[in-house]
Amino acid sequence: MRYEGNDEKLIELAKKNALNIGAGHAFIIFMENAYPINVLNSIKSVPEVCRIFCATANQTEIVIGETEKGRAILGVIDGAKSKGIESEEDIKFRKELLRKIGYKL
C-alpha cells in the first residue's frame, strides 16, 4: 500500500482505513480545515482517476465486494437518511454556505 501526505495524523488515518478496506486501485484523502468540494474538480481532472465515490465531511461506510480474485469498493454510504424536504430557510442557508466556502458565486 502506497501513501503520501503532509500531516502525520491524517496519513495514519488514511493508512489505517485503506488497509481495512483492502481493495486495490483505490485511494483515500483525508483533509482538515478544508471542504472536500473545493478540491473535487482538481481530483477529477487527474487522468488516472476513474471514479469518485464520495467527497464528504459526513461519517461514511464502505460497501466491499470480495471474490477469489480480490476485493473492490462497490459503493459508499454517506450520511444519514433524509429527514424531509428542505424549507425555504434551509435553501437560503445552503446557498449562503456554498457561497461562503467559494463553491458558488
PDB file of N, CA and C in Angstrom:
ATOM      1  N   MET A   1       0.851  -1.167   0.000  1.00  0.00           N
ATOM      2  CA  MET A   1       0.000   0.000   0.000  1.00  0.00           C
ATOM      3  C   MET A   1       0.899   1.233   0.000  1.00  0.00           C
ATOM      4  N   ARG A   2       0.668   2.116  -0.945  1.00  0.00           N
ATOM      5  CA  ARG A   2       1.433   3.361  -1.018  1.00  0.00           C
ATOM      6  C   ARG A   2       0.694   4.463  -0.285  1.00  0.00           C
ATOM      7  N   TYR A   3       1.436   5.461   0.170  1.00  0.00           N
ATOM      8  CA  TYR A   3       0.793   6.592   0.838  1.00  0.00           C
ATOM      9  C   TYR A   3       1.619   7.857   0.643  1.00  0.00           C
ATOM     10  N   GLU A   4       0.964   8.969   0.824  1.00  0.00           N
ATOM     11  CA  GLU A   4       1.583  10.288   0.700  1.00  0.00           C
ATOM     12  C   GLU A   4       0.778  11.247   1.549  1.00  0.00           C
ATOM     13  N   GLY A   5       1.402  12.292   2.044  1.00  0.00           N
ATOM     14  CA  GLY A   5       0.660  13.271   2.816  1.00  0.00           C
ATOM     15  C   GLY A   5       1.561  14.298   3.457  1.00  0.00           C
ATOM     16  N   ASN A   6       0.949  15.242   4.150  1.00  0.00           N
ATOM     17  CA  ASN A   6       1.716  16.299   4.801  1.00  0.00           C
ATOM     18  C   ASN A   6       1.316  16.499   6.266  1.00  0.00           C
ATOM     19  N   ASP A   7       0.496  15.602   6.783  1.00  0.00           N
ATOM     20  CA  ASP A   7       0.071  15.680   8.180  1.00  0.00           C
ATOM     21  C   ASP A   7       0.079  14.260   8.737  1.00  0.00           C
ATOM     22  N   GLU A   8       0.930  14.019   9.712  1.00  0.00           N
ATOM     23  CA  GLU A   8       1.133  12.655  10.214  1.00  0.00           C
ATOM     24  C   GLU A   8      -0.157  12.009  10.720  1.00  0.00           C
ATOM     25  N   LYS A   9      -0.985  12.774  11.408  1.00  0.00           N
ATOM     26  CA  LYS A   9      -2.245  12.229  11.943  1.00  0.00           C
ATOM     27  C   LYS A   9      -3.164  11.779  10.799  1.00  0.00           C
ATOM     28  N   LEU A  10      -3.277  12.590   9.753  1.00  0.00           N
ATOM     29  CA  LEU A  10      -4.143  12.246   8.627  1.00  0.00           C
ATOM     30  C   LEU A  10      -3.554  11.113   7.791  1.00  0.00           C
ATOM     31  N   ILE A  11      -2.232  11.077   7.684  1.00  0.00           N
ATOM     32  CA  ILE A  11      -1.575   9.968   6.982  1.00  0.00           C
ATOM     33  C   ILE A  11      -1.897   8.654   7.680  1.00  0.00           C
ATOM     34  N   GLU A  12      -1.762   8.619   8.989  1.00  0.00           N
ATOM     35  CA  GLU A  12      -2.045   7.395   9.745  1.00  0.00           C
ATOM     36  C   GLU A  12      -3.512   6.987   9.609  1.00  0.00           C
ATOM     37  N   LEU A  13      -4.406   7.963   9.619  1.00  0.00           N
ATOM     38  CA  LEU A  13      -5.831   7.684   9.451  1.00  0.00           C
ATOM     39  C   LEU A  13      -6.109   7.083   8.070  1.00  0.00           C
ATOM     40  N   ALA A  14      -5.495   7.648   7.047  1.00  0.00           N
ATOM     41  CA  ALA A  14      -5.679   7.127   5.685  1.00  0.00           C
ATOM     42  C   ALA A  14      -5.094   5.726   5.551  1.00  0.00           C
ATOM     43  N   LYS A  15      -3.917   5.498   6.097  1.00  0.00           N
ATOM     44  CA  LYS A  15      -3.296   4.174   6.024  1.00  0.00           C
ATOM     45  C   LYS A  15      -4.166   3.124   6.714  1.00  0.00           C
ATOM     46  N   LYS A  16      -4.646   3.452   7.902  1.00  0.00           N
ATOM     47  CA  LYS A  16      -5.490   2.515   8.659  1.00  0.00           C
ATOM     48  C   LYS A  16      -6.749   2.164   7.869  1.00  0.00           C
ATOM     49  N   ASN A  17      -7.408   3.172   7.304  1.00  0.00           N
ATOM     50  CA  ASN A  17      -8.648   2.933   6.561  1.00  0.00           C
ATOM     51  C   ASN A  17      -8.398   2.196   5.252  1.00  0.00           C
ATOM     52  N   ALA A  18      -7.339   2.541   4.543  1.00  0.00           N
ATOM     53  CA  ALA A  18      -7.029   1.847   3.291  1.00  0.00           C
ATOM     54  C   ALA A  18      -6.736   0.374   3.550  1.00  0.00           C
ATOM     55  N   LEU A  19      -6.012   0.097   4.612  1.00  0.00           N
ATOM     56  CA  LEU A  19      -5.706  -1.290   4.953  1.00  0.00           C
ATOM     57  C   LEU A  19      -6.973  -2.052   5.331  1.00  0.00           C
ATOM     58  N   ASN A  20      -7.869  -1.423   6.079  1.00  0.00           N
ATOM     59  CA  ASN A  20      -9.134  -2.068   6.441  1.00  0.00           C
ATOM     60  C   ASN A  20     -10.002  -2.336   5.219  1.00  0.00           C
ATOM     61  N   ILE A  21     -10.023  -1.405   4.283  1.00  0.00           N
ATOM     62  CA  ILE A  21     -10.805  -1.594   3.052  1.00  0.00           C
ATOM     63  C   ILE A  21     -10.192  -2.718   2.231  1.00  0.00           C
ATOM     64  N   GLY A  22      -8.889  -2.688   2.066  1.00  0.00           N
ATOM     65  CA  GLY A  22      -8.178  -3.775   1.408  1.00  0.00           C
ATOM     66  C   GLY A  22      -8.486  -3.957  -0.062  1.00  0.00           C
ATOM     67  N   ALA A  23      -8.957  -2.930  -0.735  1.00  0.00           N
ATOM     68  CA  ALA A  23      -9.278  -3.019  -2.161  1.00  0.00           C
ATOM     69  C   ALA A  23      -8.153  -2.394  -2.974  1.00  0.00           C
ATOM     70  N   GLY A  24      -7.807  -3.042  -4.070  1.00  0.00           N
ATOM     71  CA  GLY A  24      -6.771  -2.495  -4.938  1.00  0.00           C
ATOM     72  C   GLY A  24      -7.286  -1.323  -5.756  1.00  0.00           C
ATOM     73  N   HIS A  25      -6.348  -0.560  -6.283  1.00  0.00           N
ATOM     74  CA  HIS A  25      -6.654   0.568  -7.172  1.00  0.00           C
ATOM     75  C   HIS A  25      -7.664   1.533  -6.563  1.00  0.00           C
ATOM     76  N   ALA A  26      -7.443   1.884  -5.321  1.00  0.00           N
ATOM     77  CA  ALA A  26      -8.312   2.836  -4.623  1.00  0.00           C
ATOM     78  C   ALA A  26      -7.432   3.791  -3.829  1.00  0.00           C
ATOM     79  N   PHE A  27      -7.937   4.976  -3.579  1.00  0.00           N
ATOM     80  CA  PHE A  27      -7.204   5.912  -2.734  1.00  0.00           C
ATOM     81  C   PHE A  27      -8.169   6.646  -1.822  1.00  0.00           C
ATOM     82  N   ILE A  28      -7.620   7.125  -0.716  1.00  0.00           N
ATOM     83  CA  ILE A  28      -8.388   7.859   0.290  1.00  0.00           C
ATOM     84  C   ILE A  28      -7.667   9.172   0.551  1.00  0.00           C
ATOM     85  N   ILE A  29      -8.416  10.236   0.639  1.00  0.00           N
ATOM     86  CA  ILE A  29      -7.856  11.536   1.010  1.00  0.00           C
ATOM     87  C   ILE A  29      -8.577  12.007   2.267  1.00  0.00           C
ATOM     88  N   PHE A  30      -7.809  12.321   3.299  1.00  0.00           N
ATOM     89  CA  PHE A  30      -8.356  12.954   4.493  1.00  0.00           C
ATOM     90  C   PHE A  30      -7.824  14.374   4.544  1.00  0.00           C
ATOM     91  N   MET A  31      -8.707  15.319   4.856  1.00  0.00           N
ATOM     92  CA  MET A  31      -8.322  16.727   4.934  1.00  0.00           C
ATOM     93  C   MET A  31      -8.809  17.300   6.254  1.00  0.00           C
ATOM     94  N   GLU A  32      -8.140  18.346   6.666  1.00  0.00           N
ATOM     95  CA  GLU A  32      -8.544  19.051   7.872  1.00  0.00           C
ATOM     96  C   GLU A  32      -8.605  20.539   7.540  1.00  0.00           C
ATOM     97  N   ASN A  33      -9.584  21.227   8.091  1.00  0.00           N
ATOM     98  CA  ASN A  33      -9.759  22.667   7.859  1.00  0.00           C
ATOM     99  C   ASN A  33      -9.943  22.993   6.380  1.00  0.00           C
ATOM    100  N   ALA A  34     -10.663  22.145   5.678  1.00  0.00           N
ATOM    101  CA  ALA A  34     -10.932  22.350   4.253  1.00  0.00           C
ATOM    102  C   ALA A  34     -12.243  21.653   3.907  1.00  0.00           C
ATOM    103  N   TYR A  35     -12.825  22.066   2.802  1.00  0.00           N
ATOM    104  CA  TYR A  35     -14.054  21.439   2.321  1.00  0.00           C
ATOM    105  C   TYR A  35     -13.725  20.540   1.132  1.00  0.00           C
ATOM    106  N   PRO A  36     -14.162  19.279   1.149  1.00  0.00           N
ATOM    107  CA  PRO A  36     -13.874  18.372   0.037  1.00  0.00           C
ATOM    108  C   PRO A  36     -14.304  18.933  -1.318  1.00  0.00           C
ATOM    109  N   ILE A  37     -15.395  19.642  -1.348  1.00  0.00           N
ATOM    110  CA  ILE A  37     -15.926  20.164  -2.604  1.00  0.00           C
ATOM    111  C   ILE A  37     -14.940  21.119  -3.282  1.00  0.00           C
ATOM    112  N   ASN A  38     -14.066  21.753  -2.481  1.00  0.00           N
ATOM    113  CA  ASN A  38     -13.116  22.710  -3.042  1.00  0.00           C
ATOM    114  C   ASN A  38     -11.978  22.054  -3.814  1.00  0.00           C
ATOM    115  N   VAL A  39     -11.725  20.777  -3.606  1.00  0.00           N
ATOM    116  CA  VAL A  39     -10.658  20.087  -4.338  1.00  0.00           C
ATOM    117  C   VAL A  39     -11.198  19.021  -5.289  1.00  0.00           C
ATOM    118  N   LEU A  40     -12.490  18.830  -5.300  1.00  0.00           N
ATOM    119  CA  LEU A  40     -13.090  17.751  -6.081  1.00  0.00           C
ATOM    120  C   LEU A  40     -12.775  17.854  -7.570  1.00  0.00           C
ATOM    121  N   ASN A  41     -12.921  19.017  -8.165  1.00  0.00           N
ATOM    122  CA  ASN A  41     -12.655  19.152  -9.598  1.00  0.00           C
ATOM    123  C   ASN A  41     -11.192  18.903  -9.934  1.00  0.00           C
ATOM    124  N   SER A  42     -10.287  19.299  -9.059  1.00  0.00           N
ATOM    125  CA  SER A  42      -8.860  19.024  -9.284  1.00  0.00           C
ATOM    126  C   SER A  42      -8.594  17.523  -9.282  1.00  0.00           C
ATOM    127  N   ILE A  43      -9.223  16.814  -8.375  1.00  0.00           N
ATOM    128  CA  ILE A  43      -9.047  15.358  -8.318  1.00  0.00           C
ATOM    129  C   ILE A  43      -9.659  14.705  -9.554  1.00  0.00           C
ATOM    130  N   LYS A  44     -10.836  15.167  -9.964  1.00  0.00           N
ATOM    131  CA  LYS A  44     -11.490  14.614 -11.156  1.00  0.00           C
ATOM    132  C   LYS A  44     -10.631  14.773 -12.402  1.00  0.00           C
ATOM    133  N   SER A  45      -9.819  15.819 -12.453  1.00  0.00           N
ATOM    134  CA  SER A  45      -9.027  16.092 -13.655  1.00  0.00           C
ATOM    135  C   SER A  45      -7.773  15.222 -13.760  1.00  0.00           C
ATOM    136  N   VAL A  46      -7.461  14.448 -12.735  1.00  0.00           N
ATOM    137  CA  VAL A  46      -6.306  13.547 -12.789  1.00  0.00           C
ATOM    138  C   VAL A  46      -6.663  12.376 -13.707  1.00  0.00           C
ATOM    139  N   PRO A  47      -5.876  12.145 -14.782  1.00  0.00           N
ATOM    140  CA  PRO A  47      -6.236  11.106 -15.761  1.00  0.00           C
ATOM    141  C   PRO A  47      -6.416   9.708 -15.168  1.00  0.00           C
ATOM    142  N   GLU A  48      -5.673   9.376 -14.128  1.00  0.00           N
ATOM    143  CA  GLU A  48      -5.771   8.036 -13.543  1.00  0.00           C
ATOM    144  C   GLU A  48      -7.015   7.836 -12.693  1.00  0.00           C
ATOM    145  N   VAL A  49      -7.711   8.896 -12.355  1.00  0.00           N
ATOM    146  CA  VAL A  49      -8.910   8.789 -11.523  1.00  0.00           C
ATOM    147  C   VAL A  49     -10.097   8.419 -12.408  1.00  0.00           C
ATOM    148  N   CYS A  50     -10.657   7.244 -12.169  1.00  0.00           N
ATOM    149  CA  CYS A  50     -11.793   6.754 -12.956  1.00  0.00           C
ATOM    150  C   CYS A  50     -13.128   7.090 -12.307  1.00  0.00           C
ATOM    151  N   ARG A  51     -13.173   7.047 -10.996  1.00  0.00           N
ATOM    152  CA  ARG A  51     -14.434   7.245 -10.288  1.00  0.00           C
ATOM    153  C   ARG A  51     -14.164   7.802  -8.901  1.00  0.00           C
ATOM    154  N   ILE A  52     -15.036   8.693  -8.484  1.00  0.00           N
ATOM    155  CA  ILE A  52     -15.009   9.190  -7.112  1.00  0.00           C
ATOM    156  C   ILE A  52     -16.320   8.759  -6.472  1.00  0.00           C
ATOM    157  N   PHE A  53     -16.218   7.988  -5.426  1.00  0.00           N
ATOM    158  CA  PHE A  53     -17.416   7.505  -4.751  1.00  0.00           C
ATOM    159  C   PHE A  53     -17.985   8.529  -3.783  1.00  0.00           C
ATOM    160  N   CYS A  54     -17.135   9.351  -3.203  1.00  0.00           N
ATOM    161  CA  CYS A  54     -17.616  10.187  -2.117  1.00  0.00           C
ATOM    162  C   CYS A  54     -16.660  11.346  -1.866  1.00  0.00           C
ATOM    163  N   ALA A  55     -17.221  12.515  -1.600  1.00  0.00           N
ATOM    164  CA  ALA A  55     -16.453  13.683  -1.144  1.00  0.00           C
ATOM    165  C   ALA A  55     -17.317  14.342  -0.075  1.00  0.00           C
ATOM    166  N   THR A  56     -17.016  14.085   1.172  1.00  0.00           N
ATOM    167  CA  THR A  56     -17.928  14.486   2.238  1.00  0.00           C
ATOM    168  C   THR A  56     -17.202  14.744   3.547  1.00  0.00           C
ATOM    169  N   ALA A  57     -17.855  15.465   4.404  1.00  0.00           N
ATOM    170  CA  ALA A  57     -17.390  15.612   5.786  1.00  0.00           C
ATOM    171  C   ALA A  57     -18.207  14.704   6.707  1.00  0.00           C
ATOM    172  N   ASN A  58     -19.175  13.987   6.149  1.00  0.00           N
ATOM    173  CA  ASN A  58     -20.021  13.076   6.924  1.00  0.00           C
ATOM    174  C   ASN A  58     -19.275  11.788   7.257  1.00  0.00           C
ATOM    175  N   GLN A  59     -19.761  11.083   8.258  1.00  0.00           N
ATOM    176  CA  GLN A  59     -19.266   9.735   8.503  1.00  0.00           C
ATOM    177  C   GLN A  59     -19.744   8.857   7.357  1.00  0.00           C
ATOM    178  N   THR A  60     -18.935   7.876   6.997  1.00  0.00           N
ATOM    179  CA  THR A  60     -19.275   7.009   5.871  1.00  0.00           C
ATOM    180  C   THR A  60     -19.093   5.539   6.241  1.00  0.00           C
ATOM    181  N   GLU A  61     -19.693   4.698   5.421  1.00  0.00           N
ATOM    182  CA  GLU A  61     -19.438   3.262   5.459  1.00  0.00           C
ATOM    183  C   GLU A  61     -19.127   2.841   4.036  1.00  0.00           C
ATOM    184  N   ILE A  62     -18.147   1.963   3.891  1.00  0.00           N
ATOM    185  CA  ILE A  62     -17.730   1.490   2.581  1.00  0.00           C
ATOM    186  C   ILE A  62     -18.347   0.114   2.349  1.00  0.00           C
ATOM    187  N   VAL A  63     -18.966  -0.073   1.185  1.00  0.00           N
ATOM    188  CA  VAL A  63     -19.541  -1.365   0.811  1.00  0.00           C
ATOM    189  C   VAL A  63     -18.495  -2.089  -0.038  1.00  0.00           C
ATOM    190  N   ILE A  64     -18.050  -3.249   0.442  1.00  0.00           N
ATOM    191  CA  ILE A  64     -16.970  -4.005  -0.189  1.00  0.00           C
ATOM    192  C   ILE A  64     -17.524  -5.288  -0.801  1.00  0.00           C
ATOM    193  N   GLY A  65     -17.038  -5.609  -1.983  1.00  0.00           N
ATOM    194  CA  GLY A  65     -17.316  -6.905  -2.596  1.00  0.00           C
ATOM    195  C   GLY A  65     -16.027  -7.711  -2.612  1.00  0.00           C
ATOM    196  N   GLU A  66     -16.141  -9.013  -2.431  1.00  0.00           N
ATOM    197  CA  GLU A  66     -14.939  -9.846  -2.419  1.00  0.00           C
ATOM    198  C   GLU A  66     -15.191 -11.135  -3.183  1.00  0.00           C
ATOM    199  N   THR A  67     -14.247 -11.480  -4.043  1.00  0.00           N
ATOM    200  CA  THR A  67     -14.273 -12.751  -4.768  1.00  0.00           C
ATOM    201  C   THR A  67     -12.912 -13.409  -4.585  1.00  0.00           C
ATOM    202  N   GLU A  68     -12.699 -14.532  -5.264  1.00  0.00           N
ATOM    203  CA  GLU A  68     -11.398 -15.195  -5.172  1.00  0.00           C
ATOM    204  C   GLU A  68     -10.294 -14.352  -5.814  1.00  0.00           C
ATOM    205  N   LYS A  69     -10.650 -13.389  -6.660  1.00  0.00           N
ATOM    206  CA  LYS A  69      -9.652 -12.534  -7.320  1.00  0.00           C
ATOM    207  C   LYS A  69      -9.288 -11.302  -6.511  1.00  0.00           C
ATOM    208  N   GLY A  70     -10.063 -10.976  -5.492  1.00  0.00           N
ATOM    209  CA  GLY A  70      -9.721  -9.815  -4.683  1.00  0.00           C
ATOM    210  C   GLY A  70     -10.934  -9.088  -4.144  1.00  0.00           C
ATOM    211  N   ARG A  71     -10.690  -7.834  -3.747  1.00  0.00           N
ATOM    212  CA  ARG A  71     -11.729  -7.001  -3.141  1.00  0.00           C
ATOM    213  C   ARG A  71     -11.906  -5.746  -3.974  1.00  0.00           C
ATOM    214  N   ALA A  72     -13.121  -5.192  -3.907  1.00  0.00           N
ATOM    215  CA  ALA A  72     -13.424  -3.953  -4.628  1.00  0.00           C
ATOM    216  C   ALA A  72     -14.414  -3.127  -3.822  1.00  0.00           C
ATOM    217  N   ILE A  73     -14.321  -1.827  -3.997  1.00  0.00           N
ATOM    218  CA  ILE A  73     -15.299  -0.924  -3.398  1.00  0.00           C
ATOM    219  C   ILE A  73     -16.511  -0.891  -4.320  1.00  0.00           C
ATOM    220  N   LEU A  74     -17.661  -1.278  -3.804  1.00  0.00           N
ATOM    221  CA  LEU A  74     -18.893  -1.278  -4.593  1.00  0.00           C
ATOM    222  C   LEU A  74     -19.659   0.025  -4.440  1.00  0.00           C
ATOM    223  N   GLY A  75     -19.466   0.678  -3.315  1.00  0.00           N
ATOM    224  CA  GLY A  75     -20.178   1.924  -3.074  1.00  0.00           C
ATOM    225  C   GLY A  75     -19.839   2.485  -1.713  1.00  0.00           C
ATOM    226  N   VAL A  76     -20.398   3.648  -1.435  1.00  0.00           N
ATOM    227  CA  VAL A  76     -20.169   4.327  -0.166  1.00  0.00           C
ATOM    228  C   VAL A  76     -21.503   4.794   0.390  1.00  0.00           C
ATOM    229  N   ILE A  77     -21.739   4.507   1.638  1.00  0.00           N
ATOM    230  CA  ILE A  77     -22.911   5.029   2.339  1.00  0.00           C
ATOM    231  C   ILE A  77     -22.459   6.312   3.015  1.00  0.00           C
ATOM    232  N   ASP A  78     -23.064   7.411   2.612  1.00  0.00           N
ATOM    233  CA  ASP A  78     -22.619   8.745   3.025  1.00  0.00           C
ATOM    234  C   ASP A  78     -23.746   9.470   3.741  1.00  0.00           C
ATOM    235  N   GLY A  79     -23.622   9.588   5.037  1.00  0.00           N
ATOM    236  CA  GLY A  79     -24.610  10.351   5.787  1.00  0.00           C
ATOM    237  C   GLY A  79     -25.818   9.523   6.191  1.00  0.00           C
ATOM    238  N   ALA A  80     -26.762  10.199   6.777  1.00  0.00           N
ATOM    239  CA  ALA A  80     -27.966   9.562   7.309  1.00  0.00           C
ATOM    240  C   ALA A  80     -29.124   9.690   6.320  1.00  0.00           C
ATOM    241  N   LYS A  81     -30.176   8.960   6.589  1.00  0.00           N
ATOM    242  CA  LYS A  81     -31.394   9.044   5.795  1.00  0.00           C
ATOM    243  C   LYS A  81     -31.944  10.469   5.863  1.00  0.00           C
ATOM    244  N   SER A  82     -32.464  10.947   4.750  1.00  0.00           N
ATOM    245  CA  SER A  82     -33.037  12.298   4.719  1.00  0.00           C
ATOM    246  C   SER A  82     -34.163  12.417   5.731  1.00  0.00           C
ATOM    247  N   LYS A  83     -34.218  13.579   6.382  1.00  0.00           N
ATOM    248  CA  LYS A  83     -35.244  13.819   7.400  1.00  0.00           C
ATOM    249  C   LYS A  83     -36.493  14.456   6.809  1.00  0.00           C
ATOM    250  N   GLY A  84     -36.403  14.922   5.578  1.00  0.00           N
ATOM    251  CA  GLY A  84     -37.553  15.561   4.949  1.00  0.00           C
ATOM    252  C   GLY A  84     -37.110  16.473   3.820  1.00  0.00           C
ATOM    253  N   ILE A  85     -38.038  17.266   3.341  1.00  0.00           N
ATOM    254  CA  ILE A  85     -37.789  18.210   2.258  1.00  0.00           C
ATOM    255  C   ILE A  85     -37.316  19.525   2.868  1.00  0.00           C
ATOM    256  N   GLU A  86     -36.288  20.123   2.254  1.00  0.00           N
ATOM    257  CA  GLU A  86     -35.766  21.372   2.808  1.00  0.00           C
ATOM    258  C   GLU A  86     -36.771  22.507   2.669  1.00  0.00           C
ATOM    259  N   SER A  87     -36.745  23.392   3.651  1.00  0.00           N
ATOM    260  CA  SER A  87     -37.629  24.562   3.660  1.00  0.00           C
ATOM    261  C   SER A  87     -36.955  25.701   2.899  1.00  0.00           C
ATOM    262  N   GLU A  88     -37.682  26.787   2.701  1.00  0.00           N
ATOM    263  CA  GLU A  88     -37.101  27.966   2.059  1.00  0.00           C
ATOM    264  C   GLU A  88     -35.914  28.475   2.872  1.00  0.00           C
ATOM    265  N   GLU A  89     -36.025  28.426   4.192  1.00  0.00           N
ATOM    266  CA  GLU A  89     -34.924  28.843   5.067  1.00  0.00           C
ATOM    267  C   GLU A  89     -33.712  27.927   4.892  1.00  0.00           C
ATOM    268  N   ASP A  90     -33.959  26.613   4.759  1.00  0.00           N
ATOM    269  CA  ASP A  90     -32.875  25.655   4.528  1.00  0.00           C
ATOM    270  C   ASP A  90     -32.175  25.936   3.203  1.00  0.00           C
ATOM    271  N   ILE A  91     -32.952  26.241   2.172  1.00  0.00           N
ATOM    272  CA  ILE A  91     -32.391  26.544   0.852  1.00  0.00           C
ATOM    273  C   ILE A  91     -31.487  27.767   0.938  1.00  0.00           C
ATOM    274  N   LYS A  92     -31.964  28.793   1.614  1.00  0.00           N
ATOM    275  CA  LYS A  92     -31.185  30.021   1.775  1.00  0.00           C
ATOM    276  C   LYS A  92     -29.873  29.725   2.504  1.00  0.00           C
ATOM    277  N   PHE A  93     -29.939  28.958   3.599  1.00  0.00           N
ATOM    278  CA  PHE A  93     -28.744  28.600   4.361  1.00  0.00           C
ATOM    279  C   PHE A  93     -27.754  27.830   3.488  1.00  0.00           C
ATOM    280  N   ARG A  94     -28.253  26.842   2.729  1.00  0.00           N
ATOM    281  CA  ARG A  94     -27.393  26.018   1.876  1.00  0.00           C
ATOM    282  C   ARG A  94     -26.676  26.874   0.842  1.00  0.00           C
ATOM    283  N   LYS A  95     -27.414  27.757   0.183  1.00  0.00           N
ATOM    284  CA  LYS A  95     -26.813  28.603  -0.849  1.00  0.00           C
ATOM    285  C   LYS A  95     -25.791  29.570  -0.259  1.00  0.00           C
ATOM    286  N   GLU A  96     -26.086  30.121   0.903  1.00  0.00           N
ATOM    287  CA  GLU A  96     -25.135  31.026   1.564  1.00  0.00           C
ATOM    288  C   GLU A  96     -23.860  30.285   1.961  1.00  0.00           C
ATOM    289  N   LEU A  97     -24.010  29.059   2.458  1.00  0.00           N
ATOM    290  CA  LEU A  97     -22.844  28.265   2.830  1.00  0.00           C
ATOM    291  C   LEU A  97     -21.976  27.979   1.607  1.00  0.00           C
ATOM    292  N   LEU A  98     -22.596  27.597   0.496  1.00  0.00           N
ATOM    293  CA  LEU A  98     -21.833  27.301  -0.719  1.00  0.00           C
ATOM    294  C   LEU A  98     -21.093  28.529  -1.229  1.00  0.00           C
ATOM    295  N   ARG A  99     -21.697  29.686  -1.090  1.00  0.00           N
ATOM    296  CA  ARG A  99     -21.004  30.925  -1.468  1.00  0.00           C
ATOM    297  C   ARG A  99     -19.858  31.218  -0.502  1.00  0.00           C
ATOM    298  N   LYS A 100     -20.098  31.004   0.774  1.00  0.00           N
ATOM    299  CA  LYS A 100     -19.094  31.279   1.805  1.00  0.00           C
ATOM    300  C   LYS A 100     -17.833  30.446   1.599  1.00  0.00           C
ATOM    301  N   ILE A 101     -17.995  29.188   1.216  1.00  0.00           N
ATOM    302  CA  ILE A 101     -16.831  28.317   1.032  1.00  0.00           C
ATOM    303  C   ILE A 101     -16.251  28.418  -0.373  1.00  0.00           C
ATOM    304  N   GLY A 102     -16.812  29.296  -1.198  1.00  0.00           N
ATOM    305  CA  GLY A 102     -16.252  29.540  -2.522  1.00  0.00           C
ATOM    306  C   GLY A 102     -16.677  28.570  -3.598  1.00  0.00           C
ATOM    307  N   TYR A 103     -17.712  27.781  -3.342  1.00  0.00           N
ATOM    308  CA  TYR A 103     -18.153  26.811  -4.341  1.00  0.00           C
ATOM    309  C   TYR A 103     -19.128  27.415  -5.337  1.00  0.00           C
ATOM    310  N   LYS A 104     -19.906  28.371  -4.922  1.00  0.00           N
ATOM    311  CA  LYS A 104     -20.868  29.052  -5.803  1.00  0.00           C
ATOM    312  C   LYS A 104     -20.663  30.549  -5.681  1.00  0.00           C
ATOM    313  N   LEU A 105     -20.933  31.248  -6.770  1.00  0.00           N
ATOM    314  CA  LEU A 105     -20.840  32.719  -6.744  1.00  0.00           C
ATOM    315  C   LEU A 105     -22.138  33.327  -6.291  1.00  0.00           C
TER     316      LEU A 105
END
